[in-house]
Amino acid sequence: MLFASLSMSAQTNDPVLLKIDGADVMRSEFEYTFNKNNAALGANAKAVKDYLPMYIDFKLKVAEAKAQKLDTLSSFIEEYKADRARQAEEYLIDKEYIEREAHKMYAKDSAAIGKDGFLKVSHVMFPIRQNVSAEVVAATKAKADSAYQMLNNGADFAEVVRKYMNVRPDTFEIIRGQAFKEFENAAYALRDGGFSHPVQTPAGYHIIKRFSHRPFGTYQDYRSNIMTILERRNIKSVARYRMGYNLAKKMAPGTTPEQALAHEDSLLETKYPEFGNLMREYRDGLLFFEISNREVWQKAAEDVKGLEKFFKKNKKKYKFDTPHYRGAVIYGKSDEELKRAQKLLADAPVDEYKKIVEENFTKDSVCTIRLEAGVFSIGDNAWVDKLAFGQGKGGRMKKEFPKVGVVGKILKKKPESYKDVSGRVISDYQQHLEKEWVKSLSKKYKVEVFYDVLKTVNKH
């Protein structure tokens, strides 16, 4: 009775929204996908009733992928396992331990930097080497005093830096304990915008300008950087072991941390609905991509007969608004080679140009001809504009190939083959195949929608 009660409660909390070939799709699964995709669409978000047909089409394709046993392919299994392992890592580490270590690092740095915080400063430096004579020290001091007087008289600090250091002025931040004590004391004693008198340190004399002060930030300000540092120190490996160790203590005597983690890993989809949703989404996505590639995308690109047939049936759709040129621009090392290339290519299909050139103009792995082949409209290529359409001045000359010519044919109002408009035809053919495929899947697999449950989506 208890188990029956729990089962009834689970069904009430998450009822079946639709069935695809008898397989249940729960309301929570639909809501997860619907809400996630709508969030990505923003202003173009869809209503439930508009999104449902798209979702059903997606699920039909996944069902077909399973029917073809694509989920048993080794390539699929390996890719899915690798991604699951990456996603599962966050659930198999002691996050509280990592957070404690991060707080420790923050507390240590906060104590070291203290209430004095960070100072943004610049300085004019007058270096003094070790063991120099008193006369040299005095001369350096006099130079620093002179610079200080210039500043007191209103000189620009950046100009004084350039005059005495011969470099572009630079600003940098300091904290207590980072610079010479004399330098720090003088800098922290200044107000923002003020400059110091010449300060002597073991490195020489400095005139310091203070620009601004900022206190040490909150934990949240530095958390991202702290986590990056901890990850470089391999803290996740330690946190993983700690979680395994803590789990093992609650299990049967003799259970190792790795055994405990493996057991926890096996429960993730059940314990964490968000993880289960994510992995189902990824699994279905992999299957959807593979089956769509086989049935539509790759098929459309490789089905030459189908493309030609589809093109002939829809020829009116692919008329040109302006003339096009089917052929190539040829760059040759000499007039002789250019003319020979034009002769060899004159009656060949454009997609065979490259092979013909490689076979006839390659010597010691060096090709003496360069090609730019395709279907060009006016404005696509400056040399085609000039040499084929009689417009413009042509393009840039290539130093190694000083001779330029074209070979091909002007297509005035309509393409002669689907290859002349291959991009558009393949795209349209894909849509055609997709439509016909979905029709066949709708007949093959029974779809049941429980509209009373659909009305409760995001309203329970």
Protein backbone atom coordinates (compact mmCIF):
# COMPACT_ATOMS: atom_id res chain seq x y z
CA MET A 1 0.00 0.00 0.00
CA LEU A 2 2.86 2.34 0.84
CA PHE A 3 4.60 1.73 -2.52
CA ALA A 4 1.31 2.11 -4.38
CA SER A 5 0.70 5.40 -2.57
CA LEU A 6 4.17 6.70 -3.45
CA SER A 7 3.71 5.67 -7.08
CA MET A 8 0.35 7.46 -7.30
CA SER A 9 1.89 10.57 -5.71
CA ALA A 10 4.77 10.61 -8.21
CA GLN A 11 2.35 10.28 -11.14
CA THR A 12 0.23 13.15 -9.78
CA ASN A 13 3.26 15.39 -9.25
CA ASP A 14 4.70 14.68 -12.68
CA PRO A 15 2.04 13.30 -15.03
CA VAL A 16 2.60 11.97 -18.54
CA LEU A 17 2.18 14.78 -21.07
CA LEU A 18 2.55 12.77 -24.26
CA LYS A 19 3.48 9.33 -25.58
CA ILE A 20 5.74 8.69 -28.56
CA ASP A 21 5.29 5.12 -29.80
CA GLY A 22 4.19 4.15 -26.31
CA ALA A 23 7.16 5.81 -24.55
CA ASP A 24 6.15 8.31 -21.85
CA VAL A 25 7.25 11.93 -21.93
CA MET A 26 6.64 13.50 -18.54
CA ARG A 27 5.45 17.06 -18.00
CA SER A 28 8.72 17.95 -16.21
CA GLU A 29 10.78 16.90 -19.25
CA PHE A 30 8.69 19.03 -21.60
CA GLU A 31 8.79 21.99 -19.20
CA TYR A 32 12.57 21.79 -18.88
CA THR A 33 13.09 21.90 -22.65
CA PHE A 34 10.34 24.45 -23.29
CA ASN A 35 11.55 26.89 -20.62
CA LYS A 36 15.23 26.53 -21.54
CA ASN A 37 14.65 27.13 -25.25
CA ASN A 38 12.26 30.00 -24.63
CA ALA A 39 14.81 31.70 -22.38
CA ALA A 40 17.29 31.54 -25.27
CA LEU A 41 14.72 32.95 -27.73
CA GLY A 42 14.04 36.02 -25.59
CA ALA A 43 11.54 38.29 -27.36
CA ASN A 44 10.82 35.50 -29.87
CA ALA A 45 9.67 33.08 -27.17
CA LYS A 46 6.88 30.72 -28.24
CA ALA A 47 3.61 29.77 -26.58
CA VAL A 48 3.19 26.16 -25.39
CA LYS A 49 0.74 25.29 -28.19
CA ASP A 50 3.18 26.62 -30.83
CA TYR A 51 6.18 24.89 -29.32
CA LEU A 52 4.54 21.46 -28.93
CA PRO A 53 4.60 20.46 -32.67
CA MET A 54 8.31 21.30 -32.86
CA TYR A 55 8.96 19.26 -29.72
CA ILE A 56 7.01 16.29 -31.10
CA ASP A 57 9.02 16.41 -34.36
CA PHE A 58 12.22 16.40 -32.29
CA LYS A 59 11.07 13.42 -30.23
CA LEU A 60 10.02 11.52 -33.37
CA LYS A 61 13.54 11.87 -34.75
CA VAL A 62 15.03 10.69 -31.46
CA ALA A 63 12.68 7.69 -31.53
CA GLU A 64 13.85 6.86 -35.06
CA ALA A 65 17.50 7.16 -33.98
CA LYS A 66 16.84 4.64 -31.20
CA ALA A 67 15.00 2.37 -33.62
CA GLN A 68 18.10 2.40 -35.82
CA LYS A 69 20.15 1.59 -32.67
CA LEU A 70 22.35 4.67 -33.05
CA ASP A 71 22.56 4.78 -29.25
CA THR A 72 24.48 1.48 -29.35
CA LEU A 73 27.26 2.81 -31.59
CA SER A 74 30.65 2.91 -29.86
CA SER A 75 31.21 6.50 -31.07
CA PHE A 76 27.92 7.59 -29.46
CA ILE A 77 28.59 5.73 -26.20
CA GLU A 78 32.11 7.16 -25.87
CA GLU A 79 31.01 10.75 -26.55
CA TYR A 80 28.07 10.50 -24.17
CA LYS A 81 30.19 8.94 -21.40
CA ALA A 82 32.87 11.62 -21.75
CA ASP A 83 30.36 14.45 -21.48
CA ARG A 84 28.52 12.83 -18.59
CA ALA A 85 31.80 12.45 -16.71
CA ARG A 86 32.52 16.17 -17.19
CA GLN A 87 29.06 17.18 -15.99
CA ALA A 88 29.06 14.70 -13.09
CA GLU A 89 32.33 16.04 -11.68
CA GLU A 90 30.55 18.97 -10.02
CA TYR A 91 28.29 16.56 -8.12
CA LEU A 92 31.14 14.31 -6.95
CA ILE A 93 33.30 16.81 -5.09
CA ASP A 94 33.11 18.29 -1.61
CA LYS A 95 32.02 21.80 -2.56
CA GLU A 96 31.89 22.96 1.05
CA TYR A 97 35.57 22.05 1.44
CA ILE A 98 36.48 24.10 -1.65
CA GLU A 99 34.45 27.02 -0.38
CA ARG A 100 36.19 26.87 3.02
CA GLU A 101 39.60 26.85 1.35
CA ALA A 102 38.58 29.83 -0.77
CA HIS A 103 37.49 31.75 2.32
CA LYS A 104 40.81 30.91 3.99
CA MET A 105 42.73 32.32 1.05
CA TYR A 106 40.59 35.46 1.07
CA ALA A 107 41.07 35.92 4.82
CA LYS A 108 44.84 35.52 4.47
CA ASP A 109 45.09 38.06 1.66
CA SER A 110 42.71 40.43 3.40
CA ALA A 111 44.83 40.33 6.55
CA ALA A 112 48.03 40.85 4.55
CA ILE A 113 46.73 43.86 2.64
CA GLY A 114 44.81 45.21 5.61
CA LYS A 115 42.78 48.37 5.86
CA ASP A 116 45.34 50.33 3.83
CA GLY A 117 44.18 48.63 0.63
CA PHE A 118 45.62 49.35 -2.82
CA LEU A 119 47.26 52.55 -4.01
CA LYS A 120 47.50 53.52 -7.67
CA VAL A 121 50.73 55.50 -8.09
CA SER A 122 53.41 56.61 -10.48
CA HIS A 123 56.90 57.94 -9.83
CA VAL A 124 59.87 59.76 -11.26
CA MET A 125 62.90 57.66 -10.35
CA PHE A 126 66.52 58.71 -10.05
CA PRO A 127 68.46 55.44 -9.64
CA ILE A 128 71.66 55.10 -7.61
CA ARG A 129 73.91 52.06 -8.06
CA GLN A 130 75.43 50.34 -5.05
CA ASN A 131 78.76 51.55 -3.57
CA VAL A 132 78.86 54.86 -5.46
CA SER A 133 80.63 57.92 -4.03
CA ALA A 134 78.95 60.55 -1.87
CA GLU A 135 79.42 63.03 -4.71
CA VAL A 136 77.29 60.86 -7.06
CA VAL A 137 74.58 60.53 -4.42
CA ALA A 138 74.59 64.32 -3.92
CA ALA A 139 74.38 64.94 -7.67
CA THR A 140 71.46 62.55 -7.97
CA LYS A 141 69.72 64.23 -5.03
CA ALA A 142 70.20 67.63 -6.70
CA LYS A 143 68.60 66.31 -9.90
CA ALA A 144 65.63 64.98 -7.91
CA ASP A 145 65.29 68.32 -6.11
CA SER A 146 65.27 70.09 -9.46
CA ALA A 147 62.46 67.86 -10.73
CA TYR A 148 60.53 68.42 -7.52
CA GLN A 149 60.87 72.19 -7.96
CA MET A 150 59.51 71.90 -11.52
CA LEU A 151 56.44 70.11 -10.18
CA ASN A 152 55.96 72.72 -7.49
CA ASN A 153 56.09 75.37 -10.23
CA GLY A 154 53.18 73.64 -12.04
CA ALA A 155 54.95 71.31 -14.48
CA ASP A 156 52.95 68.31 -15.74
CA PHE A 157 53.94 65.10 -13.93
CA ALA A 158 53.96 63.06 -17.14
CA GLU A 159 56.30 65.58 -18.80
CA VAL A 160 58.70 65.42 -15.84
CA VAL A 161 58.72 61.59 -16.11
CA ARG A 162 59.56 61.82 -19.80
CA LYS A 163 62.27 64.44 -19.20
CA TYR A 164 64.13 62.59 -16.44
CA MET A 165 63.38 58.92 -17.20
CA ASN A 166 63.04 59.07 -20.98
CA VAL A 167 60.04 56.71 -20.85
CA ARG A 168 56.27 57.01 -21.13
CA PRO A 169 54.68 57.61 -17.71
CA ASP A 170 53.25 54.47 -16.16
CA THR A 171 50.91 53.81 -13.23
CA PHE A 172 50.87 50.75 -11.00
CA GLU A 173 49.23 49.50 -7.82
CA ILE A 174 51.05 48.79 -4.57
CA ILE A 175 50.05 47.22 -1.26
CA ARG A 176 51.79 47.19 2.11
CA GLY A 177 54.84 44.94 2.10
CA GLN A 178 55.28 45.03 -1.66
CA ALA A 179 57.58 48.02 -2.16
CA PHE A 180 60.42 49.59 -0.17
CA LYS A 181 59.17 50.71 3.23
CA GLU A 182 60.26 54.31 2.60
CA PHE A 183 58.36 54.31 -0.70
CA GLU A 184 55.21 52.85 0.89
CA ASN A 185 55.19 55.24 3.85
CA ALA A 186 55.50 58.25 1.59
CA ALA A 187 52.84 56.99 -0.86
CA TYR A 188 50.29 56.15 1.83
CA ALA A 189 50.87 59.54 3.48
CA LEU A 190 49.81 61.39 0.31
CA ARG A 191 46.33 62.41 -0.71
CA ASP A 192 44.90 61.44 -4.09
CA GLY A 193 46.41 63.74 -6.73
CA GLY A 194 49.36 64.79 -4.54
CA PHE A 195 53.08 64.16 -5.08
CA SER A 196 55.89 63.65 -2.61
CA HIS A 197 59.23 65.35 -2.04
CA PRO A 198 62.22 63.23 -3.19
CA VAL A 199 62.14 60.00 -1.15
CA GLN A 200 65.33 57.98 -0.76
CA THR A 201 65.18 54.15 -0.91
CA PRO A 202 67.95 51.56 -1.45
CA ALA A 203 67.24 51.91 -5.20
CA GLY A 204 67.67 55.72 -5.37
CA TYR A 205 65.40 58.77 -5.14
CA HIS A 206 61.71 58.80 -6.07
CA ILE A 207 59.10 61.50 -6.49
CA ILE A 208 55.81 59.66 -6.03
CA LYS A 209 52.41 60.74 -7.32
CA ARG A 210 49.34 59.13 -5.80
CA PHE A 211 46.36 58.80 -8.12
CA SER A 212 43.76 56.81 -6.21
CA HIS A 213 43.06 54.41 -3.37
CA ARG A 214 40.76 51.40 -3.22
CA PRO A 215 40.08 49.19 -0.24
CA PHE A 216 40.44 45.42 -0.31
CA GLY A 217 37.19 44.09 -1.78
CA THR A 218 34.63 41.63 -0.45
CA TYR A 219 34.91 37.87 -0.80
CA GLN A 220 32.52 37.91 -3.75
CA ASP A 221 34.73 40.45 -5.55
CA TYR A 222 37.62 37.96 -5.57
CA ARG A 223 35.84 34.60 -5.49
CA SER A 224 36.20 33.92 -9.21
CA ASN A 225 39.96 34.63 -9.19
CA ILE A 226 40.45 32.63 -5.99
CA MET A 227 38.67 29.63 -7.51
CA THR A 228 40.88 29.83 -10.60
CA ILE A 229 43.98 29.76 -8.38
CA LEU A 230 42.65 26.82 -6.35
CA GLU A 231 41.81 24.86 -9.51
CA ARG A 232 45.39 25.34 -10.73
CA ARG A 233 46.47 23.79 -7.43
CA ASN A 234 44.32 20.74 -8.25
CA ILE A 235 41.90 21.31 -5.39
CA LYS A 236 39.11 19.40 -7.16
CA SER A 237 41.07 16.16 -6.89
CA VAL A 238 41.37 16.69 -3.13
CA ALA A 239 37.69 17.64 -2.88
CA ARG A 240 36.71 14.52 -4.84
CA TYR A 241 38.69 12.26 -2.51
CA ARG A 242 37.22 13.97 0.54
CA MET A 243 33.70 13.41 -0.73
CA GLY A 244 34.47 9.76 -1.43
CA TYR A 245 36.00 9.36 2.02
CA ASN A 246 32.97 10.93 3.76
CA LEU A 247 30.53 8.81 1.73
CA ALA A 248 32.48 5.61 2.43
CA LYS A 249 32.23 6.20 6.20
CA LYS A 250 28.43 6.00 5.91
CA MET A 251 28.50 2.78 3.89
CA ALA A 252 29.42 -0.83 4.64
CA PRO A 253 32.80 -1.37 6.36
CA GLY A 254 35.61 -1.78 3.87
CA THR A 255 34.02 0.47 1.21
CA THR A 256 36.74 2.53 -0.46
CA PRO A 257 36.31 6.21 -1.38
CA GLU A 258 36.33 5.31 -5.10
CA GLN A 259 33.65 2.65 -4.61
CA ALA A 260 31.53 5.16 -2.69
CA LEU A 261 31.93 7.73 -5.48
CA ALA A 262 31.01 5.18 -8.13
CA HIS A 263 27.82 4.36 -6.21
CA GLU A 264 26.98 8.05 -5.85
CA ASP A 265 27.65 8.57 -9.55
CA SER A 266 25.09 5.88 -10.42
CA LEU A 267 22.40 7.78 -8.47
CA LEU A 268 22.95 11.28 -9.89
CA GLU A 269 20.07 11.27 -12.39
CA THR A 270 17.67 10.20 -9.61
CA LYS A 271 18.97 12.46 -6.84
CA TYR A 272 19.35 15.61 -8.95
CA PRO A 273 16.52 16.26 -11.45
CA GLU A 274 18.49 19.09 -13.08
CA PHE A 275 21.33 16.66 -13.82
CA GLY A 276 18.90 14.08 -15.18
CA ASN A 277 17.30 16.69 -17.44
CA LEU A 278 20.67 17.91 -18.68
CA MET A 279 21.93 14.43 -19.53
CA ARG A 280 18.68 13.43 -21.24
CA GLU A 281 18.88 16.65 -23.25
CA TYR A 282 22.47 15.88 -24.25
CA ARG A 283 21.69 12.25 -25.08
CA ASP A 284 18.68 13.16 -27.21
CA GLY A 285 20.67 15.95 -28.83
CA LEU A 286 23.42 13.57 -29.92
CA LEU A 287 20.87 11.15 -31.37
CA PHE A 288 18.96 13.97 -33.09
CA PHE A 289 22.12 15.30 -34.70
CA GLU A 290 23.29 11.89 -35.93
CA ILE A 291 19.94 10.80 -37.37
CA SER A 292 19.33 14.24 -38.97
CA ASN A 293 22.77 14.14 -40.54
CA ARG A 294 22.10 10.73 -42.02
CA GLU A 295 18.54 11.35 -43.17
CA VAL A 296 18.71 15.03 -44.23
CA TRP A 297 21.90 17.09 -44.04
CA GLN A 298 24.55 14.71 -45.39
CA LYS A 299 22.04 13.00 -47.64
CA ALA A 300 21.03 16.28 -49.28
CA ALA A 301 24.62 17.30 -49.94
CA GLU A 302 25.59 13.93 -51.46
CA ASP A 303 22.41 13.00 -53.37
CA VAL A 304 23.44 14.30 -56.80
CA LYS A 305 20.53 12.69 -58.65
CA GLY A 306 18.04 13.93 -56.06
CA LEU A 307 19.44 17.46 -56.23
CA GLU A 308 19.31 17.56 -60.03
CA LYS A 309 15.75 16.21 -60.04
CA PHE A 310 14.66 18.70 -57.36
CA PHE A 311 16.33 21.54 -59.28
CA LYS A 312 14.58 20.66 -62.55
CA LYS A 313 11.22 20.43 -60.80
CA ASN A 314 11.67 23.87 -59.19
CA LYS A 315 13.71 25.57 -61.93
CA LYS A 316 11.56 28.72 -62.03
CA LYS A 317 12.48 29.43 -58.42
CA TYR A 318 16.16 29.84 -59.26
CA LYS A 319 16.11 32.49 -61.99
CA PHE A 320 18.88 35.11 -61.89
CA ASP A 321 18.05 38.77 -61.41
CA THR A 322 21.38 39.70 -63.05
CA PRO A 323 23.78 37.75 -65.30
CA HIS A 324 26.18 35.30 -63.63
CA TYR A 325 29.48 33.88 -64.82
CA ARG A 326 30.20 30.17 -64.29
CA GLY A 327 33.92 29.50 -64.56
CA ALA A 328 37.19 30.65 -63.06
CA VAL A 329 39.82 33.36 -62.90
CA ILE A 330 43.19 31.90 -63.96
CA TYR A 331 46.51 33.29 -62.76
CA GLY A 332 49.50 32.08 -64.79
CA LYS A 333 53.26 32.51 -64.77
CA SER A 334 53.31 33.11 -68.56
CA ASP A 335 50.98 33.80 -71.48
CA GLU A 336 51.75 30.36 -72.84
CA GLU A 337 50.65 28.56 -69.68
CA LEU A 338 47.58 30.79 -69.31
CA LYS A 339 46.38 29.98 -72.83
CA ARG A 340 47.06 26.26 -72.35
CA ALA A 341 45.02 26.30 -69.13
CA GLN A 342 42.14 28.12 -70.84
CA LYS A 343 42.15 25.54 -73.63
CA LEU A 344 42.17 22.55 -71.27
CA LEU A 345 39.41 23.96 -69.08
CA ALA A 346 37.18 25.36 -71.82
CA ASP A 347 34.81 22.38 -72.11
CA ALA A 348 35.30 20.88 -68.61
CA PRO A 349 32.82 21.10 -65.72
CA VAL A 350 33.81 23.70 -63.13
CA ASP A 351 34.09 21.09 -60.36
CA GLU A 352 36.81 19.32 -62.38
CA TYR A 353 38.98 22.43 -62.90
CA LYS A 354 41.12 21.81 -59.84
CA LYS A 355 41.89 18.21 -60.78
CA ILE A 356 42.82 19.20 -64.37
CA VAL A 357 45.16 21.95 -63.16
CA GLU A 358 46.87 19.65 -60.63
CA GLU A 359 47.44 17.00 -63.30
CA ASN A 360 48.75 19.34 -66.00
CA PHE A 361 50.44 22.26 -64.24
CA THR A 362 52.23 20.72 -61.25
CA LYS A 363 55.97 20.14 -61.29
CA ASP A 364 58.00 19.12 -58.23
CA SER A 365 54.95 19.78 -56.03
CA VAL A 366 54.76 23.38 -57.33
CA CYS A 367 51.71 24.44 -59.33
CA THR A 368 52.29 27.05 -62.05
CA ILE A 369 48.60 28.03 -62.24
CA ARG A 370 46.26 29.44 -59.61
CA LEU A 371 42.44 29.30 -59.83
CA GLU A 372 39.45 31.07 -58.33
CA ALA A 373 36.52 28.96 -59.53
CA GLY A 374 32.77 29.19 -58.97
CA VAL A 375 29.67 31.06 -60.07
CA PHE A 376 30.12 34.83 -59.90
CA SER A 377 27.67 37.68 -60.08
CA ILE A 378 28.76 41.24 -60.89
CA GLY A 379 30.69 42.58 -57.93
CA ASP A 380 31.87 39.19 -56.61
CA ASN A 381 35.27 39.26 -58.32
CA ALA A 382 37.00 42.29 -59.88
CA TRP A 383 38.73 40.23 -62.60
CA VAL A 384 35.46 38.53 -63.61
CA ASP A 385 33.82 41.97 -63.72
CA LYS A 386 36.48 43.24 -66.13
CA LEU A 387 37.30 40.20 -68.29
CA ALA A 388 33.87 38.52 -68.43
CA PHE A 389 31.40 41.38 -67.99
CA GLY A 390 33.57 44.24 -69.35
CA GLN A 391 33.20 46.34 -66.19
CA GLY A 392 35.78 47.91 -63.86
CA LYS A 393 39.58 47.90 -63.85
CA GLY A 394 40.27 44.41 -62.61
CA GLY A 395 41.78 43.19 -59.35
CA ARG A 396 45.23 42.98 -57.82
CA MET A 397 48.03 41.35 -59.73
CA LYS A 398 49.86 38.44 -58.09
CA LYS A 399 53.67 38.83 -58.25
CA GLU A 400 54.30 35.14 -58.92
CA PHE A 401 51.46 34.93 -61.46
CA PRO A 402 51.55 38.09 -63.58
CA LYS A 403 49.17 36.83 -66.30
CA VAL A 404 45.40 36.82 -65.71
CA GLY A 405 42.54 35.41 -67.74
CA VAL A 406 39.11 33.83 -67.34
CA VAL A 407 37.46 30.69 -68.63
CA GLY A 408 33.78 29.88 -68.45
CA LYS A 409 30.35 30.97 -69.59
CA ILE A 410 27.91 33.82 -68.92
CA LEU A 411 24.54 32.63 -67.63
CA LYS A 412 22.07 35.39 -68.48
CA LYS A 413 18.76 34.64 -66.80
CA LYS A 414 18.73 31.12 -65.43
CA PRO A 415 21.18 28.51 -64.16
CA GLU A 416 21.77 25.45 -66.31
CA SER A 417 22.49 23.04 -63.45
CA TYR A 418 21.82 22.87 -59.72
CA LYS A 419 25.58 23.37 -59.30
CA ASP A 420 25.17 26.96 -60.53
CA VAL A 421 23.05 27.68 -57.42
CA SER A 422 24.15 24.75 -55.26
CA GLY A 423 23.92 26.56 -51.93
CA ARG A 424 20.28 27.54 -52.40
CA VAL A 425 19.27 24.21 -53.94
CA ILE A 426 20.90 22.12 -51.19
CA SER A 427 19.23 24.26 -48.52
CA ASP A 428 15.82 23.93 -50.16
CA TYR A 429 16.33 20.21 -50.79
CA GLN A 430 17.19 19.71 -47.12
CA GLN A 431 13.91 21.39 -46.14
CA HIS A 432 12.06 19.17 -48.62
CA LEU A 433 13.68 16.00 -47.26
CA GLU A 434 13.01 17.13 -43.69
CA LYS A 435 9.31 17.70 -44.40
CA GLU A 436 8.87 14.33 -46.11
CA TRP A 437 10.85 12.57 -43.40
CA VAL A 438 8.74 14.02 -40.58
CA LYS A 439 5.58 12.97 -42.45
CA SER A 440 6.83 9.39 -42.65
CA LEU A 441 7.81 9.39 -38.96
CA SER A 442 4.36 10.67 -37.98
CA LYS A 443 2.83 7.69 -39.78
CA LYS A 444 5.37 5.24 -38.35
CA TYR A 445 5.11 6.23 -34.68
CA LYS A 446 1.89 6.78 -32.78
CA VAL A 447 1.74 10.13 -30.94
CA GLU A 448 -0.65 10.72 -28.03
CA VAL A 449 -1.00 14.15 -26.42
CA PHE A 450 -2.78 14.59 -23.08
CA TYR A 451 -4.14 18.09 -23.50
CA ASP A 452 -5.47 18.30 -19.95
CA VAL A 453 -1.88 17.93 -18.73
CA LEU A 454 -0.61 20.33 -21.41
CA LYS A 455 -2.85 23.04 -19.93
CA THR A 456 -0.99 22.72 -16.60
CA VAL A 457 2.51 23.35 -18.04
CA ASN A 458 4.16 25.98 -15.79
CA LYS A 459 0.86 26.35 -13.92
CA HIS A 460 1.10 23.76 -11.16
